[in-house]
Amino acid sequence: MADQPRIAHVGVAVPDLEAALAFYRDVLGLVPRPVEFADGAAIVSLPMGESDIELLSPREPAGPIARFLERRGAGIHHICYRVPDLDRALDACRRAGYRLIDEVPRVGAGGRRIAFIHPKATAGILLELTE
């Protein structure tokens, strides 16, 4: 099963990280990982089985999470799929005509290589791929 894609995490945009953490920590009993910073956001990962919930809170007023919250409010920001070979997955996206936000992988939270696929290419869902 290690060579098949799986859900790595679901990214949830929140205006207040501490307020959002309360539910996951106090109600569900999840233990948050230390805060990380990437793409103008503070990110807290919460392990949930084989996948994580990633709470994303803006740190820059012009950053992507701040813009998302302005336009849509709090909620699911993206779904991240773990793939066995990110470069091969991006090549397959290009060949199939999917619009990529990241033409080449970049480093994201946790030091992992990531790339985003535009939601206009994926039924309105922002997708992230990682290895």
N, C-alpha and C. Protein backbone atom coordinates (compact mmCIF):
# COMPACT_ATOMS: atom_id res chain seq x y z
N MET A 1 0.83 -1.20 0.00
CA MET A 1 0.00 0.00 0.00
C MET A 1 0.87 1.25 0.00
N ALA A 2 2.14 1.15 0.34
CA ALA A 2 3.03 2.32 0.41
C ALA A 2 3.21 2.97 -0.95
N ASP A 3 3.00 2.22 -2.03
CA ASP A 3 3.20 2.80 -3.35
C ASP A 3 1.93 3.40 -3.93
N GLN A 4 0.84 3.38 -3.19
CA GLN A 4 -0.41 3.97 -3.64
C GLN A 4 -0.62 5.33 -2.98
N PRO A 5 -1.24 6.26 -3.71
CA PRO A 5 -1.54 7.56 -3.09
C PRO A 5 -2.47 7.39 -1.90
N ARG A 6 -2.34 8.31 -0.95
CA ARG A 6 -3.24 8.33 0.20
C ARG A 6 -3.41 9.76 0.65
N ILE A 7 -4.37 10.02 1.50
CA ILE A 7 -4.57 11.37 2.02
C ILE A 7 -3.49 11.62 3.08
N ALA A 8 -2.69 12.64 2.85
CA ALA A 8 -1.66 13.03 3.81
C ALA A 8 -2.27 13.91 4.89
N HIS A 9 -3.02 14.93 4.44
CA HIS A 9 -3.69 15.81 5.40
C HIS A 9 -4.80 16.59 4.72
N VAL A 10 -5.65 17.16 5.56
CA VAL A 10 -6.68 18.10 5.12
C VAL A 10 -6.32 19.43 5.76
N GLY A 11 -6.13 20.45 4.93
CA GLY A 11 -5.78 21.78 5.42
C GLY A 11 -7.04 22.59 5.69
N VAL A 12 -7.13 23.15 6.90
CA VAL A 12 -8.30 23.92 7.31
C VAL A 12 -7.84 25.34 7.65
N ALA A 13 -8.36 26.33 6.93
CA ALA A 13 -8.04 27.73 7.19
C ALA A 13 -8.85 28.22 8.38
N VAL A 14 -8.16 28.83 9.35
CA VAL A 14 -8.82 29.34 10.55
C VAL A 14 -8.28 30.73 10.87
N PRO A 15 -9.14 31.63 11.34
CA PRO A 15 -8.66 32.97 11.68
C PRO A 15 -7.90 32.99 13.01
N ASP A 16 -8.21 32.06 13.91
CA ASP A 16 -7.60 32.05 15.24
C ASP A 16 -7.15 30.63 15.56
N LEU A 17 -5.86 30.42 15.52
CA LEU A 17 -5.28 29.09 15.70
C LEU A 17 -5.62 28.50 17.06
N GLU A 18 -5.47 29.27 18.12
CA GLU A 18 -5.74 28.77 19.47
C GLU A 18 -7.21 28.38 19.65
N ALA A 19 -8.10 29.19 19.13
CA ALA A 19 -9.52 28.87 19.25
C ALA A 19 -9.85 27.59 18.49
N ALA A 20 -9.28 27.42 17.31
CA ALA A 20 -9.53 26.21 16.52
C ALA A 20 -8.91 24.98 17.17
N LEU A 21 -7.75 25.14 17.77
CA LEU A 21 -7.08 24.02 18.43
C LEU A 21 -7.89 23.44 19.58
N ALA A 22 -8.66 24.28 20.23
CA ALA A 22 -9.40 23.84 21.41
C ALA A 22 -10.25 22.61 21.12
N PHE A 23 -10.97 22.60 20.03
CA PHE A 23 -11.83 21.45 19.70
C PHE A 23 -11.00 20.19 19.53
N TYR A 24 -9.97 20.26 18.70
CA TYR A 24 -9.16 19.08 18.40
C TYR A 24 -8.41 18.56 19.63
N ARG A 25 -7.91 19.47 20.43
CA ARG A 25 -7.13 19.11 21.62
C ARG A 25 -8.05 18.71 22.79
N ASP A 26 -9.03 19.55 23.10
CA ASP A 26 -9.83 19.38 24.31
C ASP A 26 -11.00 18.41 24.13
N VAL A 27 -11.56 18.35 22.95
CA VAL A 27 -12.71 17.47 22.71
C VAL A 27 -12.26 16.12 22.14
N LEU A 28 -11.42 16.16 21.10
CA LEU A 28 -11.00 14.92 20.46
C LEU A 28 -9.76 14.30 21.11
N GLY A 29 -9.05 15.08 21.93
CA GLY A 29 -7.88 14.56 22.62
C GLY A 29 -6.64 14.42 21.75
N LEU A 30 -6.60 15.12 20.62
CA LEU A 30 -5.43 15.04 19.74
C LEU A 30 -4.29 15.89 20.31
N VAL A 31 -3.07 15.44 20.07
CA VAL A 31 -1.89 16.16 20.54
C VAL A 31 -1.28 16.89 19.35
N PRO A 32 -1.32 18.22 19.37
CA PRO A 32 -0.78 18.97 18.23
C PRO A 32 0.74 18.89 18.17
N ARG A 33 1.24 18.87 16.94
CA ARG A 33 2.68 18.98 16.74
C ARG A 33 3.06 20.45 16.91
N PRO A 34 4.34 20.75 17.07
CA PRO A 34 4.76 22.16 17.21
C PRO A 34 4.36 22.99 15.99
N VAL A 35 4.12 24.25 16.22
CA VAL A 35 3.75 25.18 15.15
C VAL A 35 4.90 25.30 14.15
N GLU A 36 4.55 25.29 12.87
CA GLU A 36 5.51 25.53 11.79
C GLU A 36 5.03 26.76 11.03
N PHE A 37 5.92 27.32 10.22
CA PHE A 37 5.58 28.50 9.44
C PHE A 37 5.97 28.26 7.98
N ALA A 38 5.00 28.48 7.08
CA ALA A 38 5.25 28.34 5.64
C ALA A 38 4.17 29.12 4.90
N ASP A 39 4.52 29.65 3.75
CA ASP A 39 3.56 30.34 2.87
C ASP A 39 2.76 31.41 3.60
N GLY A 40 3.39 32.13 4.51
CA GLY A 40 2.71 33.21 5.22
C GLY A 40 1.69 32.76 6.23
N ALA A 41 1.81 31.50 6.68
CA ALA A 41 0.83 30.96 7.63
C ALA A 41 1.54 30.25 8.78
N ALA A 42 0.87 30.25 9.92
CA ALA A 42 1.24 29.38 11.04
C ALA A 42 0.46 28.08 10.83
N ILE A 43 1.15 26.96 10.97
CA ILE A 43 0.54 25.66 10.67
C ILE A 43 0.72 24.73 11.86
N VAL A 44 -0.38 24.16 12.31
CA VAL A 44 -0.34 23.15 13.36
C VAL A 44 -0.93 21.87 12.80
N SER A 45 -0.15 20.80 12.85
CA SER A 45 -0.62 19.49 12.39
C SER A 45 -1.11 18.68 13.57
N LEU A 46 -2.21 18.00 13.34
CA LEU A 46 -2.82 17.15 14.36
C LEU A 46 -2.96 15.75 13.78
N PRO A 47 -2.15 14.80 14.28
CA PRO A 47 -2.24 13.43 13.76
C PRO A 47 -3.62 12.83 14.04
N MET A 48 -4.18 12.23 12.99
CA MET A 48 -5.50 11.62 13.10
C MET A 48 -5.47 10.33 12.28
N GLY A 49 -5.02 9.25 12.91
CA GLY A 49 -4.87 8.00 12.18
C GLY A 49 -3.71 8.10 11.21
N GLU A 50 -3.93 7.66 9.99
CA GLU A 50 -2.88 7.71 8.97
C GLU A 50 -2.74 9.09 8.33
N SER A 51 -3.64 9.98 8.62
CA SER A 51 -3.63 11.33 8.04
C SER A 51 -3.57 12.37 9.14
N ASP A 52 -3.40 13.61 8.74
CA ASP A 52 -3.38 14.73 9.69
C ASP A 52 -4.46 15.73 9.32
N ILE A 53 -4.85 16.52 10.31
CA ILE A 53 -5.59 17.75 10.08
C ILE A 53 -4.55 18.84 10.23
N GLU A 54 -4.50 19.75 9.29
CA GLU A 54 -3.54 20.85 9.33
C GLU A 54 -4.33 22.14 9.50
N LEU A 55 -4.17 22.80 10.64
CA LEU A 55 -4.82 24.09 10.87
C LEU A 55 -3.90 25.18 10.35
N LEU A 56 -4.43 26.05 9.51
CA LEU A 56 -3.65 27.10 8.84
C LEU A 56 -4.19 28.46 9.26
N SER A 57 -3.33 29.27 9.87
CA SER A 57 -3.75 30.60 10.30
C SER A 57 -2.83 31.64 9.68
N PRO A 58 -3.38 32.73 9.15
CA PRO A 58 -2.54 33.71 8.45
C PRO A 58 -1.56 34.43 9.37
N ARG A 59 -0.36 34.65 8.85
CA ARG A 59 0.64 35.47 9.53
C ARG A 59 0.98 36.71 8.70
N GLU A 60 0.58 36.67 7.44
CA GLU A 60 0.81 37.81 6.53
C GLU A 60 -0.53 38.22 5.95
N PRO A 61 -0.87 39.51 6.02
CA PRO A 61 -2.18 39.95 5.54
C PRO A 61 -2.41 39.72 4.04
N ALA A 62 -1.34 39.61 3.27
CA ALA A 62 -1.49 39.39 1.83
C ALA A 62 -1.21 37.94 1.45
N GLY A 63 -1.01 37.08 2.44
CA GLY A 63 -0.69 35.68 2.16
C GLY A 63 -1.90 34.90 1.67
N PRO A 64 -1.67 33.69 1.15
CA PRO A 64 -2.76 32.90 0.59
C PRO A 64 -3.85 32.52 1.60
N ILE A 65 -3.48 32.27 2.84
CA ILE A 65 -4.50 31.90 3.83
C ILE A 65 -5.34 33.11 4.21
N ALA A 66 -4.70 34.26 4.36
CA ALA A 66 -5.45 35.49 4.65
C ALA A 66 -6.42 35.81 3.52
N ARG A 67 -5.98 35.66 2.28
CA ARG A 67 -6.85 35.92 1.13
C ARG A 67 -8.01 34.93 1.10
N PHE A 68 -7.72 33.67 1.39
CA PHE A 68 -8.77 32.65 1.42
C PHE A 68 -9.83 33.00 2.47
N LEU A 69 -9.38 33.35 3.67
CA LEU A 69 -10.32 33.70 4.74
C LEU A 69 -11.16 34.93 4.38
N GLU A 70 -10.54 35.90 3.71
CA GLU A 70 -11.29 37.10 3.26
C GLU A 70 -12.39 36.73 2.29
N ARG A 71 -12.08 35.86 1.32
CA ARG A 71 -13.03 35.51 0.27
C ARG A 71 -14.07 34.49 0.73
N ARG A 72 -13.64 33.50 1.52
CA ARG A 72 -14.53 32.38 1.79
C ARG A 72 -14.82 32.13 3.25
N GLY A 73 -14.04 32.73 4.14
CA GLY A 73 -14.21 32.44 5.56
C GLY A 73 -13.51 31.15 5.94
N ALA A 74 -13.61 30.80 7.19
CA ALA A 74 -12.95 29.60 7.70
C ALA A 74 -13.52 28.35 7.05
N GLY A 75 -12.67 27.35 6.89
CA GLY A 75 -13.13 26.09 6.33
C GLY A 75 -12.02 25.33 5.65
N ILE A 76 -12.40 24.27 4.97
CA ILE A 76 -11.41 23.43 4.30
C ILE A 76 -10.73 24.25 3.21
N HIS A 77 -9.42 24.30 3.27
CA HIS A 77 -8.61 25.05 2.31
C HIS A 77 -8.12 24.13 1.20
N HIS A 78 -7.62 22.94 1.58
CA HIS A 78 -7.10 22.02 0.57
C HIS A 78 -7.05 20.60 1.11
N ILE A 79 -6.89 19.66 0.20
CA ILE A 79 -6.64 18.26 0.54
C ILE A 79 -5.27 17.93 -0.03
N CYS A 80 -4.46 17.26 0.75
CA CYS A 80 -3.12 16.89 0.32
C CYS A 80 -3.04 15.38 0.15
N TYR A 81 -2.59 14.95 -1.03
CA TYR A 81 -2.40 13.53 -1.32
C TYR A 81 -0.91 13.22 -1.30
N ARG A 82 -0.55 12.15 -0.58
CA ARG A 82 0.83 11.68 -0.59
C ARG A 82 0.96 10.71 -1.77
N VAL A 83 1.92 10.97 -2.63
CA VAL A 83 2.17 10.13 -3.81
C VAL A 83 3.57 9.55 -3.71
N PRO A 84 3.81 8.40 -4.34
CA PRO A 84 5.13 7.78 -4.25
C PRO A 84 6.23 8.56 -4.98
N ASP A 85 5.86 9.29 -6.04
CA ASP A 85 6.86 10.03 -6.83
C ASP A 85 6.23 11.33 -7.29
N LEU A 86 6.57 12.43 -6.62
CA LEU A 86 5.96 13.73 -6.92
C LEU A 86 6.28 14.20 -8.33
N ASP A 87 7.51 14.02 -8.78
CA ASP A 87 7.87 14.47 -10.13
C ASP A 87 7.07 13.72 -11.19
N ARG A 88 6.90 12.44 -11.00
CA ARG A 88 6.12 11.64 -11.95
C ARG A 88 4.65 12.07 -11.93
N ALA A 89 4.11 12.34 -10.74
CA ALA A 89 2.71 12.78 -10.63
C ALA A 89 2.51 14.12 -11.33
N LEU A 90 3.47 15.06 -11.17
CA LEU A 90 3.36 16.35 -11.84
C LEU A 90 3.46 16.20 -13.36
N ASP A 91 4.33 15.32 -13.81
CA ASP A 91 4.43 15.05 -15.25
C ASP A 91 3.11 14.51 -15.79
N ALA A 92 2.48 13.60 -15.03
CA ALA A 92 1.19 13.04 -15.45
C ALA A 92 0.12 14.14 -15.49
N CYS A 93 0.16 15.06 -14.53
CA CYS A 93 -0.78 16.19 -14.53
C CYS A 93 -0.59 17.04 -15.78
N ARG A 94 0.66 17.35 -16.10
CA ARG A 94 0.94 18.17 -17.30
C ARG A 94 0.45 17.48 -18.57
N ARG A 95 0.76 16.20 -18.70
CA ARG A 95 0.35 15.45 -19.89
C ARG A 95 -1.17 15.40 -20.02
N ALA A 96 -1.87 15.35 -18.89
CA ALA A 96 -3.34 15.29 -18.89
C ALA A 96 -3.98 16.67 -19.00
N GLY A 97 -3.16 17.73 -18.99
CA GLY A 97 -3.68 19.08 -19.16
C GLY A 97 -4.17 19.75 -17.88
N TYR A 98 -3.80 19.25 -16.72
CA TYR A 98 -4.20 19.89 -15.47
C TYR A 98 -3.38 21.15 -15.23
N ARG A 99 -4.04 22.18 -14.77
CA ARG A 99 -3.37 23.46 -14.48
C ARG A 99 -2.67 23.36 -13.13
N LEU A 100 -1.36 23.60 -13.14
CA LEU A 100 -0.57 23.52 -11.92
C LEU A 100 -0.32 24.91 -11.36
N ILE A 101 -0.38 25.03 -10.07
CA ILE A 101 0.04 26.27 -9.40
C ILE A 101 1.56 26.25 -9.27
N ASP A 102 2.08 25.09 -8.90
CA ASP A 102 3.53 24.90 -8.78
C ASP A 102 4.01 24.01 -9.91
N GLU A 103 4.72 24.59 -10.87
CA GLU A 103 5.25 23.81 -11.99
C GLU A 103 6.36 22.87 -11.53
N VAL A 104 7.09 23.30 -10.51
CA VAL A 104 8.14 22.46 -9.94
C VAL A 104 7.88 22.35 -8.44
N PRO A 105 8.24 21.24 -7.83
CA PRO A 105 8.02 21.09 -6.39
C PRO A 105 8.80 22.13 -5.60
N ARG A 106 8.25 22.47 -4.44
CA ARG A 106 8.91 23.38 -3.50
C ARG A 106 8.83 22.77 -2.12
N VAL A 107 9.52 23.36 -1.17
CA VAL A 107 9.53 22.83 0.18
C VAL A 107 8.37 23.44 0.96
N GLY A 108 7.61 22.58 1.61
CA GLY A 108 6.49 23.02 2.43
C GLY A 108 6.72 22.68 3.89
N ALA A 109 5.66 22.68 4.66
CA ALA A 109 5.74 22.36 6.09
C ALA A 109 6.33 20.97 6.27
N GLY A 110 7.09 20.80 7.32
CA GLY A 110 7.72 19.52 7.59
C GLY A 110 8.91 19.24 6.70
N GLY A 111 9.29 20.23 5.87
CA GLY A 111 10.43 20.03 4.97
C GLY A 111 10.12 19.13 3.79
N ARG A 112 8.86 18.81 3.57
CA ARG A 112 8.48 17.92 2.46
C ARG A 112 8.36 18.70 1.15
N ARG A 113 8.66 18.01 0.07
CA ARG A 113 8.44 18.59 -1.26
C ARG A 113 6.95 18.56 -1.55
N ILE A 114 6.44 19.69 -2.03
CA ILE A 114 5.00 19.81 -2.31
C ILE A 114 4.78 20.51 -3.64
N ALA A 115 3.58 20.38 -4.17
CA ALA A 115 3.14 21.14 -5.34
C ALA A 115 1.61 21.17 -5.31
N PHE A 116 1.06 22.31 -5.71
CA PHE A 116 -0.40 22.47 -5.73
C PHE A 116 -0.93 22.41 -7.14
N ILE A 117 -2.14 21.86 -7.26
CA ILE A 117 -2.88 21.81 -8.52
C ILE A 117 -4.03 22.80 -8.38
N HIS A 118 -4.24 23.60 -9.41
CA HIS A 118 -5.25 24.65 -9.37
C HIS A 118 -6.65 24.06 -9.22
N PRO A 119 -7.49 24.66 -8.38
CA PRO A 119 -8.84 24.11 -8.18
C PRO A 119 -9.72 24.15 -9.42
N LYS A 120 -9.43 25.01 -10.38
CA LYS A 120 -10.23 25.02 -11.61
C LYS A 120 -10.02 23.74 -12.42
N ALA A 121 -8.94 23.02 -12.13
CA ALA A 121 -8.66 21.77 -12.84
C ALA A 121 -9.18 20.55 -12.09
N THR A 122 -9.64 20.75 -10.86
CA THR A 122 -9.99 19.60 -10.01
C THR A 122 -11.35 19.78 -9.33
N ALA A 123 -12.34 20.14 -10.11
CA ALA A 123 -13.71 20.27 -9.60
C ALA A 123 -13.84 21.23 -8.42
N GLY A 124 -13.02 22.28 -8.42
CA GLY A 124 -13.13 23.31 -7.40
C GLY A 124 -12.40 23.03 -6.10
N ILE A 125 -11.60 21.96 -6.06
CA ILE A 125 -10.86 21.63 -4.84
C ILE A 125 -9.38 21.91 -5.05
N LEU A 126 -8.80 22.71 -4.17
CA LEU A 126 -7.36 22.94 -4.21
C LEU A 126 -6.69 21.65 -3.72
N LEU A 127 -5.85 21.06 -4.57
CA LEU A 127 -5.16 19.83 -4.20
C LEU A 127 -3.67 20.10 -4.06
N GLU A 128 -3.12 19.50 -3.05
CA GLU A 128 -1.67 19.53 -2.82
C GLU A 128 -1.17 18.10 -2.99
N LEU A 129 -0.01 17.96 -3.64
CA LEU A 129 0.65 16.67 -3.73
C LEU A 129 1.95 16.74 -2.96
N THR A 130 2.29 15.65 -2.28
CA THR A 130 3.55 15.55 -1.54
C THR A 130 4.05 14.13 -1.61
N GLU A 131 5.31 13.97 -1.25
CA GLU A 131 5.87 12.61 -1.21
C GLU A 131 5.87 12.09 0.21
